[in-house]
């Protein structure tokens, strides 16, 4: 009976995660997609929309939804594992609640990043170095971001955060906290590791274009592969070298 409840509750968590991921990507593809197409068709000389409070709110919402779409697939194994362990420890039939609270920690962390990213977008727009596709038009900035992202792939901080992301069971065994408050704290802590692992990769969106669905999907796919593939550790390092070479090529071109 208990095992049956565990299976049913796991199905609830899986479908909840899939629902959020589908809605987030649906917004990017069909909701924001129309405005993306309109802006990508604007003449290069035409100014981007003025930064009114309403426009700033739309940009922040876009970043928040984009982070959910890109990060939840790679966070799903951790959230599912948390829900399973929480259910077995507490012997309750509502792991979806605990998993939801745990996932809320991720949302808080990445929403904070979204705010910083929107502020950076405002600064780049104010400096007039953003194209209608929301990619930087300065070769020095683009090359610098690529090189910085590549170098970061080899730093001890990146590697430490990536280890926590690739080993969810180790994190849960050493950082476990009971109750809903504990679930939120754990979500915040692991969300911070997730941010430490991926924040420089997210800045690559300013190179390929925030409005490019293909570029967003490519970065999201790489993050997923780096975290779940058995060879993800080395794939990340090799990609770091390629990013440095790409950035250097842009700087000298």
C-alpha atoms as a PDB file:
ATOM      1  CA  UNK A   1       0.000   0.000   0.000  1.00  0.00           C
ATOM      2  CA  UNK A   2       2.778   2.403   0.935  1.00  0.00           C
ATOM      3  CA  UNK A   3       4.739   1.490  -2.200  1.00  0.00           C
ATOM      4  CA  UNK A   4       1.656   2.162  -4.300  1.00  0.00           C
ATOM      5  CA  UNK A   5       1.256   5.570  -2.702  1.00  0.00           C
ATOM      6  CA  UNK A   6       4.918   6.311  -3.379  1.00  0.00           C
ATOM      7  CA  UNK A   7       4.489   5.479  -7.058  1.00  0.00           C
ATOM      8  CA  UNK A   8       1.347   7.592  -7.370  1.00  0.00           C
ATOM      9  CA  UNK A   9       2.974  10.544  -5.628  1.00  0.00           C
ATOM     10  CA  UNK A  10       6.038  10.285  -7.849  1.00  0.00           C
ATOM     11  CA  UNK A  11       3.783  10.403 -10.897  1.00  0.00           C
ATOM     12  CA  UNK A  12       2.189  13.583  -9.516  1.00  0.00           C
ATOM     13  CA  UNK A  13       5.612  15.228  -9.123  1.00  0.00           C
ATOM     14  CA  UNK A  14       6.722  14.124 -12.599  1.00  0.00           C
ATOM     15  CA  UNK A  15       3.613  15.503 -14.279  1.00  0.00           C
ATOM     16  CA  UNK A  16       3.830  18.734 -12.281  1.00  0.00           C
ATOM     17  CA  UNK A  17       7.425  19.250 -13.423  1.00  0.00           C
ATOM     18  CA  UNK A  18       6.555  18.410 -17.019  1.00  0.00           C
ATOM     19  CA  UNK A  19       3.639  20.821 -16.885  1.00  0.00           C
ATOM     20  CA  UNK A  20       5.772  23.713 -15.687  1.00  0.00           C
ATOM     21  CA  UNK A  21       8.514  22.963 -18.227  1.00  0.00           C
ATOM     22  CA  UNK A  22       6.017  22.722 -21.110  1.00  0.00           C
ATOM     23  CA  UNK A  23       4.300  25.954 -20.082  1.00  0.00           C
ATOM     24  CA  UNK A  24       7.635  27.783 -19.811  1.00  0.00           C
ATOM     25  CA  UNK A  25       8.835  26.630 -23.227  1.00  0.00           C
ATOM     26  CA  UNK A  26       5.384  27.283 -24.650  1.00  0.00           C
ATOM     27  CA  UNK A  27       5.599  30.876 -23.467  1.00  0.00           C
ATOM     28  CA  UNK A  28       9.015  31.302 -25.075  1.00  0.00           C
ATOM     29  CA  UNK A  29       7.916  29.682 -28.341  1.00  0.00           C
ATOM     30  CA  UNK A  30       4.417  31.116 -28.759  1.00  0.00           C
ATOM     31  CA  UNK A  31       3.928  33.871 -26.182  1.00  0.00           C
ATOM     32  CA  UNK A  32       7.207  35.723 -26.354  1.00  0.00           C
ATOM     33  CA  UNK A  33       7.898  34.307 -29.801  1.00  0.00           C
ATOM     34  CA  UNK A  34       5.637  36.794 -31.581  1.00  0.00           C
ATOM     35  CA  UNK A  35       7.328  39.802 -30.022  1.00  0.00           C
ATOM     36  CA  UNK A  36      10.730  38.182 -30.714  1.00  0.00           C
ATOM     37  CA  UNK A  37       9.904  37.878 -34.413  1.00  0.00           C
ATOM     38  CA  UNK A  38       8.687  41.453 -34.527  1.00  0.00           C
ATOM     39  CA  UNK A  39      11.826  42.780 -32.836  1.00  0.00           C
ATOM     40  CA  UNK A  40      14.173  40.657 -34.952  1.00  0.00           C
ATOM     41  CA  UNK A  41      12.614  42.241 -38.034  1.00  0.00           C
ATOM     42  CA  UNK A  42      13.249  45.788 -36.886  1.00  0.00           C
ATOM     43  CA  UNK A  43      15.885  47.797 -38.765  1.00  0.00           C
ATOM     44  CA  UNK A  44      19.205  47.867 -36.934  1.00  0.00           C
ATOM     45  CA  UNK A  45      19.028  51.620 -36.610  1.00  0.00           C
ATOM     46  CA  UNK A  46      15.641  51.507 -34.944  1.00  0.00           C
ATOM     47  CA  UNK A  47      15.692  51.911 -31.196  1.00  0.00           C
ATOM     48  CA  UNK A  48      14.536  49.167 -28.877  1.00  0.00           C
ATOM     49  CA  UNK A  49      11.467  49.846 -26.701  1.00  0.00           C
ATOM     50  CA  UNK A  50      11.863  52.481 -24.008  1.00  0.00           C
ATOM     51  CA  UNK A  51      12.488  51.190 -20.479  1.00  0.00           C
ATOM     52  CA  UNK A  52       9.172  52.054 -18.896  1.00  0.00           C
ATOM     53  CA  UNK A  53       8.157  50.242 -15.669  1.00  0.00           C
ATOM     54  CA  UNK A  54       5.808  48.053 -17.723  1.00  0.00           C
ATOM     55  CA  UNK A  55       8.560  47.101 -20.188  1.00  0.00           C
ATOM     56  CA  UNK A  56      10.977  46.387 -17.329  1.00  0.00           C
ATOM     57  CA  UNK A  57       8.379  44.074 -15.769  1.00  0.00           C
ATOM     58  CA  UNK A  58       7.958  42.240 -19.086  1.00  0.00           C
ATOM     59  CA  UNK A  59      11.729  41.814 -19.433  1.00  0.00           C
ATOM     60  CA  UNK A  60      12.007  40.496 -15.866  1.00  0.00           C
ATOM     61  CA  UNK A  61       9.128  38.072 -16.461  1.00  0.00           C
ATOM     62  CA  UNK A  62      10.755  36.911 -19.697  1.00  0.00           C
ATOM     63  CA  UNK A  63      14.030  36.192 -17.902  1.00  0.00           C
ATOM     64  CA  UNK A  64      12.259  34.375 -15.052  1.00  0.00           C
ATOM     65  CA  UNK A  65      10.296  32.141 -17.434  1.00  0.00           C
ATOM     66  CA  UNK A  66      13.403  31.563 -19.546  1.00  0.00           C
ATOM     67  CA  UNK A  67      15.363  30.442 -16.479  1.00  0.00           C
ATOM     68  CA  UNK A  68      12.568  28.032 -15.536  1.00  0.00           C
ATOM     69  CA  UNK A  69      12.511  26.601 -19.057  1.00  0.00           C
ATOM     70  CA  UNK A  70      16.283  26.186 -19.186  1.00  0.00           C
ATOM     71  CA  UNK A  71      17.038  25.022 -15.628  1.00  0.00           C
ATOM     72  CA  UNK A  72      14.108  22.825 -14.559  1.00  0.00           C
ATOM     73  CA  UNK A  73      14.994  19.917 -16.905  1.00  0.00           C
ATOM     74  CA  UNK A  74      18.441  19.592 -15.315  1.00  0.00           C
ATOM     75  CA  UNK A  75      17.032  20.149 -11.810  1.00  0.00           C
ATOM     76  CA  UNK A  76      14.257  17.569 -12.242  1.00  0.00           C
ATOM     77  CA  UNK A  77      16.336  14.541 -11.096  1.00  0.00           C
ATOM     78  CA  UNK A  78      17.201  16.304  -7.829  1.00  0.00           C
ATOM     79  CA  UNK A  79      13.602  17.403  -7.210  1.00  0.00           C
ATOM     80  CA  UNK A  80      12.277  13.899  -7.893  1.00  0.00           C
ATOM     81  CA  UNK A  81      14.896  12.319  -5.642  1.00  0.00           C
ATOM     82  CA  UNK A  82      14.068  14.759  -2.864  1.00  0.00           C
ATOM     83  CA  UNK A  83      10.367  13.929  -3.151  1.00  0.00           C
ATOM     84  CA  UNK A  84      11.047  10.194  -2.955  1.00  0.00           C
ATOM     85  CA  UNK A  85      13.339  10.445   0.081  1.00  0.00           C
ATOM     86  CA  UNK A  86      11.050  12.899   1.876  1.00  0.00           C
ATOM     87  CA  UNK A  87       8.109  10.564   1.413  1.00  0.00           C
ATOM     88  CA  UNK A  88       9.981   7.554   2.778  1.00  0.00           C
ATOM     89  CA  UNK A  89      11.341   9.483   5.762  1.00  0.00           C
ATOM     90  CA  UNK A  90       8.098  11.185   6.736  1.00  0.00           C
ATOM     91  CA  UNK A  91       5.794   8.356   5.601  1.00  0.00           C
ATOM     92  CA  UNK A  92       3.255  10.845   4.263  1.00  0.00           C
ATOM     93  CA  UNK A  93       1.315  10.723   1.022  1.00  0.00           C
ATOM     94  CA  UNK A  94       2.084  14.285  -0.095  1.00  0.00           C
ATOM     95  CA  UNK A  95       5.663  14.402  -1.381  1.00  0.00           C
ATOM     96  CA  UNK A  96       4.468  16.747  -4.128  1.00  0.00           C
ATOM     97  CA  UNK A  97       4.127  19.461  -1.494  1.00  0.00           C
ATOM     98  CA  UNK A  98       7.653  18.950  -0.176  1.00  0.00           C
ATOM     99  CA  UNK A  99       9.068  18.671  -3.693  1.00  0.00           C
ATOM    100  CA  UNK A 100       7.208  21.854  -4.623  1.00  0.00           C
ATOM    101  CA  UNK A 101       8.665  23.719  -1.643  1.00  0.00           C
ATOM    102  CA  UNK A 102      12.110  22.350  -2.490  1.00  0.00           C
ATOM    103  CA  UNK A 103      11.667  23.496  -6.105  1.00  0.00           C
ATOM    104  CA  UNK A 104      10.560  26.901  -4.847  1.00  0.00           C
ATOM    105  CA  UNK A 105      14.098  27.385  -3.571  1.00  0.00           C
ATOM    106  CA  UNK A 106      15.369  27.049  -7.137  1.00  0.00           C
ATOM    107  CA  UNK A 107      12.781  29.537  -8.345  1.00  0.00           C
ATOM    108  CA  UNK A 108      13.823  32.101  -5.737  1.00  0.00           C
ATOM    109  CA  UNK A 109      17.510  31.775  -6.660  1.00  0.00           C
ATOM    110  CA  UNK A 110      16.959  31.988 -10.395  1.00  0.00           C
ATOM    111  CA  UNK A 111      14.456  34.824 -10.052  1.00  0.00           C
ATOM    112  CA  UNK A 112      17.164  36.769  -8.228  1.00  0.00           C
ATOM    113  CA  UNK A 113      19.488  36.018 -11.142  1.00  0.00           C
ATOM    114  CA  UNK A 114      16.754  37.115 -13.552  1.00  0.00           C
ATOM    115  CA  UNK A 115      16.615  40.470 -11.803  1.00  0.00           C
ATOM    116  CA  UNK A 116      20.386  40.869 -12.177  1.00  0.00           C
ATOM    117  CA  UNK A 117      20.205  39.789 -15.839  1.00  0.00           C
ATOM    118  CA  UNK A 118      17.408  42.273 -16.566  1.00  0.00           C
ATOM    119  CA  UNK A 119      19.513  45.008 -14.937  1.00  0.00           C
ATOM    120  CA  UNK A 120      22.478  44.003 -17.105  1.00  0.00           C
ATOM    121  CA  UNK A 121      20.253  44.089 -20.181  1.00  0.00           C
ATOM    122  CA  UNK A 122      19.162  47.593 -19.219  1.00  0.00           C
ATOM    123  CA  UNK A 123      22.797  48.672 -18.876  1.00  0.00           C
ATOM    124  CA  UNK A 124      23.789  47.221 -22.237  1.00  0.00           C
ATOM    125  CA  UNK A 125      20.735  48.753 -23.890  1.00  0.00           C
ATOM    126  CA  UNK A 126      21.529  52.127 -22.313  1.00  0.00           C
ATOM    127  CA  UNK A 127      25.077  51.827 -23.666  1.00  0.00           C
ATOM    128  CA  UNK A 128      23.554  51.140 -27.111  1.00  0.00           C
ATOM    129  CA  UNK A 129      25.404  47.852 -27.632  1.00  0.00           C
ATOM    130  CA  UNK A 130      22.358  45.583 -28.064  1.00  0.00           C
ATOM    131  CA  UNK A 131      20.889  44.527 -31.406  1.00  0.00           C
ATOM    132  CA  UNK A 132      17.143  43.963 -31.962  1.00  0.00           C
ATOM    133  CA  UNK A 133      17.839  40.251 -31.295  1.00  0.00           C
ATOM    134  CA  UNK A 134      19.250  41.329 -27.907  1.00  0.00           C
ATOM    135  CA  UNK A 135      22.809  40.257 -28.694  1.00  0.00           C
ATOM    136  CA  UNK A 136      25.792  42.480 -27.987  1.00  0.00           C
ATOM    137  CA  UNK A 137      27.039  44.344 -31.041  1.00  0.00           C
ATOM    138  CA  UNK A 138      30.487  45.033 -29.557  1.00  0.00           C
ATOM    139  CA  UNK A 139      33.096  42.483 -30.638  1.00  0.00           C
ATOM    140  CA  UNK A 140      35.198  43.201 -27.583  1.00  0.00           C
ATOM    141  CA  UNK A 141      32.251  42.552 -25.250  1.00  0.00           C
ATOM    142  CA  UNK A 142      31.180  39.384 -27.096  1.00  0.00           C
ATOM    143  CA  UNK A 143      34.719  38.038 -27.224  1.00  0.00           C
ATOM    144  CA  UNK A 144      35.308  38.916 -23.589  1.00  0.00           C
ATOM    145  CA  UNK A 145      32.146  37.125 -22.456  1.00  0.00           C
ATOM    146  CA  UNK A 146      33.048  33.997 -24.446  1.00  0.00           C
ATOM    147  CA  UNK A 147      36.574  33.914 -23.018  1.00  0.00           C
ATOM    148  CA  UNK A 148      35.347  34.544 -19.477  1.00  0.00           C
ATOM    149  CA  UNK A 149      32.753  31.772 -19.801  1.00  0.00           C
ATOM    150  CA  UNK A 150      35.375  29.396 -21.160  1.00  0.00           C
ATOM    151  CA  UNK A 151      37.865  30.125 -18.405  1.00  0.00           C
ATOM    152  CA  UNK A 152      35.140  29.788 -15.754  1.00  0.00           C
ATOM    153  CA  UNK A 153      34.491  26.226 -16.932  1.00  0.00           C
ATOM    154  CA  UNK A 154      37.928  25.309 -15.493  1.00  0.00           C
ATOM    155  CA  UNK A 155      37.739  27.198 -12.195  1.00  0.00           C
ATOM    156  CA  UNK A 156      37.524  25.381  -8.813  1.00  0.00           C
ATOM    157  CA  UNK A 157      34.219  27.163  -8.045  1.00  0.00           C
ATOM    158  CA  UNK A 158      32.636  25.888 -11.251  1.00  0.00           C
ATOM    159  CA  UNK A 159      33.880  22.365 -10.643  1.00  0.00           C
ATOM    160  CA  UNK A 160      32.703  22.326  -7.013  1.00  0.00           C
ATOM    161  CA  UNK A 161      29.223  23.532  -7.965  1.00  0.00           C
ATOM    162  CA  UNK A 162      29.048  21.076 -10.858  1.00  0.00           C
ATOM    163  CA  UNK A 163      29.904  18.181  -8.531  1.00  0.00           C
ATOM    164  CA  UNK A 164      26.932  19.053  -6.309  1.00  0.00           C
ATOM    165  CA  UNK A 165      24.670  19.256  -9.368  1.00  0.00           C
ATOM    166  CA  UNK A 166      25.902  15.923 -10.745  1.00  0.00           C
ATOM    167  CA  UNK A 167      25.647  14.104  -7.385  1.00  0.00           C
ATOM    168  CA  UNK A 168      22.192  14.895  -5.954  1.00  0.00           C
ATOM    169  CA  UNK A 169      22.235  11.940  -3.542  1.00  0.00           C
ATOM    170  CA  UNK A 170      25.458  13.135  -1.902  1.00  0.00           C
ATOM    171  CA  UNK A 171      23.908  16.556  -1.355  1.00  0.00           C
ATOM    172  CA  UNK A 172      20.739  15.108   0.171  1.00  0.00           C
ATOM    173  CA  UNK A 173      22.695  12.808   2.482  1.00  0.00           C
ATOM    174  CA  UNK A 174      24.891  15.598   3.843  1.00  0.00           C
ATOM    175  CA  UNK A 175      22.525  18.588   3.742  1.00  0.00           C
ATOM    176  CA  UNK A 176      19.181  17.039   4.709  1.00  0.00           C
ATOM    177  CA  UNK A 177      16.774  19.236   6.721  1.00  0.00           C
ATOM    178  CA  UNK A 178      13.388  18.061   7.961  1.00  0.00           C
ATOM    179  CA  UNK A 179      10.063  19.771   7.305  1.00  0.00           C
ATOM    180  CA  UNK A 180       8.872  22.366   4.835  1.00  0.00           C
ATOM    181  CA  UNK A 181      11.262  25.050   6.081  1.00  0.00           C
ATOM    182  CA  UNK A 182      14.068  22.555   5.733  1.00  0.00           C
ATOM    183  CA  UNK A 183      12.928  21.760   2.194  1.00  0.00           C
ATOM    184  CA  UNK A 184      13.016  25.431   1.267  1.00  0.00           C
ATOM    185  CA  UNK A 185      16.465  25.887   2.793  1.00  0.00           C
ATOM    186  CA  UNK A 186      17.755  22.874   0.905  1.00  0.00           C
ATOM    187  CA  UNK A 187      16.243  24.170  -2.316  1.00  0.00           C
ATOM    188  CA  UNK A 188      17.905  27.530  -1.795  1.00  0.00           C
ATOM    189  CA  UNK A 189      21.273  25.920  -1.053  1.00  0.00           C
ATOM    190  CA  UNK A 190      21.206  23.576  -4.017  1.00  0.00           C
ATOM    191  CA  UNK A 191      19.797  26.355  -6.178  1.00  0.00           C
ATOM    192  CA  UNK A 192      22.851  28.403  -5.215  1.00  0.00           C
ATOM    193  CA  UNK A 193      25.113  25.565  -6.391  1.00  0.00           C
ATOM    194  CA  UNK A 194      23.101  25.431  -9.602  1.00  0.00           C
ATOM    195  CA  UNK A 195      23.574  29.161 -10.073  1.00  0.00           C
ATOM    196  CA  UNK A 196      27.285  28.896  -9.362  1.00  0.00           C
ATOM    197  CA  UNK A 197      27.521  26.185 -11.991  1.00  0.00           C
ATOM    198  CA  UNK A 198      25.606  27.924 -14.772  1.00  0.00           C
ATOM    199  CA  UNK A 199      25.560  31.716 -14.372  1.00  0.00           C
ATOM    200  CA  UNK A 200      28.368  32.344 -16.855  1.00  0.00           C
ATOM    201  CA  UNK A 201      26.702  30.061 -19.375  1.00  0.00           C
ATOM    202  CA  UNK A 202      23.555  32.162 -19.050  1.00  0.00           C
ATOM    203  CA  UNK A 203      25.540  35.270 -19.962  1.00  0.00           C
ATOM    204  CA  UNK A 204      26.236  33.600 -23.306  1.00  0.00           C
ATOM    205  CA  UNK A 205      22.631  34.481 -24.152  1.00  0.00           C
ATOM    206  CA  UNK A 206      23.858  38.040 -24.663  1.00  0.00           C
ATOM    207  CA  UNK A 207      26.278  36.703 -27.306  1.00  0.00           C
ATOM    208  CA  UNK A 208      23.900  34.517 -29.303  1.00  0.00           C
ATOM    209  CA  UNK A 209      20.841  36.699 -28.701  1.00  0.00           C
ATOM    210  CA  UNK A 210      18.280  36.630 -25.916  1.00  0.00           C
ATOM    211  CA  UNK A 211      15.599  36.574 -28.594  1.00  0.00           C
ATOM    212  CA  UNK A 212      17.037  33.521 -30.378  1.00  0.00           C
ATOM    213  CA  UNK A 213      15.019  30.441 -29.450  1.00  0.00           C
ATOM    214  CA  UNK A 214      17.624  28.210 -31.128  1.00  0.00           C
ATOM    215  CA  UNK A 215      20.434  29.709 -29.027  1.00  0.00           C
ATOM    216  CA  UNK A 216      18.374  29.427 -25.820  1.00  0.00           C
ATOM    217  CA  UNK A 217      17.671  25.761 -26.600  1.00  0.00           C
ATOM    218  CA  UNK A 218      21.342  25.091 -27.384  1.00  0.00           C
ATOM    219  CA  UNK A 219      22.540  26.546 -24.075  1.00  0.00           C
ATOM    220  CA  UNK A 220      19.809  24.661 -22.181  1.00  0.00           C
ATOM    221  CA  UNK A 221      20.756  21.391 -23.909  1.00  0.00           C
ATOM    222  CA  UNK A 222      24.422  21.865 -23.029  1.00  0.00           C
ATOM    223  CA  UNK A 223      23.574  22.525 -19.374  1.00  0.00           C
ATOM    224  CA  UNK A 224      21.484  19.353 -19.266  1.00  0.00           C
ATOM    225  CA  UNK A 225      24.236  17.267 -20.885  1.00  0.00           C
ATOM    226  CA  UNK A 226      26.915  18.688 -18.604  1.00  0.00           C
ATOM    227  CA  UNK A 227      24.889  17.781 -15.512  1.00  0.00           C
ATOM    228  CA  UNK A 228      23.480  14.351 -16.392  1.00  0.00           C
ATOM    229  CA  UNK A 229      25.855  12.813 -18.921  1.00  0.00           C
ATOM    230  CA  UNK A 230      28.501  10.437 -17.517  1.00  0.00           C
ATOM    231  CA  UNK A 231      31.088  12.405 -19.498  1.00  0.00           C
ATOM    232  CA  UNK A 232      29.540  15.764 -18.628  1.00  0.00           C
ATOM    233  CA  UNK A 233      32.516  16.808 -16.509  1.00  0.00           C
ATOM    234  CA  UNK A 234      34.915  16.539 -19.435  1.00  0.00           C
ATOM    235  CA  UNK A 235      32.410  17.839 -21.971  1.00  0.00           C
ATOM    236  CA  UNK A 236      32.201  21.013 -19.906  1.00  0.00           C
ATOM    237  CA  UNK A 237      35.980  21.426 -19.827  1.00  0.00           C
ATOM    238  CA  UNK A 238      36.400  20.802 -23.548  1.00  0.00           C
ATOM    239  CA  UNK A 239      33.614  23.281 -24.232  1.00  0.00           C
ATOM    240  CA  UNK A 240      35.458  25.794 -22.067  1.00  0.00           C
ATOM    241  CA  UNK A 241      38.506  25.521 -24.331  1.00  0.00           C
ATOM    242  CA  UNK A 242      36.329  25.946 -27.426  1.00  0.00           C
ATOM    243  CA  UNK A 243      34.670  29.031 -25.938  1.00  0.00           C
ATOM    244  CA  UNK A 244      38.071  30.621 -25.277  1.00  0.00           C
ATOM    245  CA  UNK A 245      39.173  29.896 -28.864  1.00  0.00           C
ATOM    246  CA  UNK A 246      35.901  31.319 -30.202  1.00  0.00           C
ATOM    247  CA  UNK A 247      36.205  34.453 -28.092  1.00  0.00           C
ATOM    248  CA  UNK A 248      39.837  34.980 -29.095  1.00  0.00           C
ATOM    249  CA  UNK A 249      38.907  34.589 -32.759  1.00  0.00           C
ATOM    250  CA  UNK A 250      36.268  37.301 -32.408  1.00  0.00           C
ATOM    251  CA  UNK A 251      38.707  39.654 -30.686  1.00  0.00           C
ATOM    252  CA  UNK A 252      41.384  39.326 -33.366  1.00  0.00           C
ATOM    253  CA  UNK A 253      38.993  39.359 -36.340  1.00  0.00           C
END
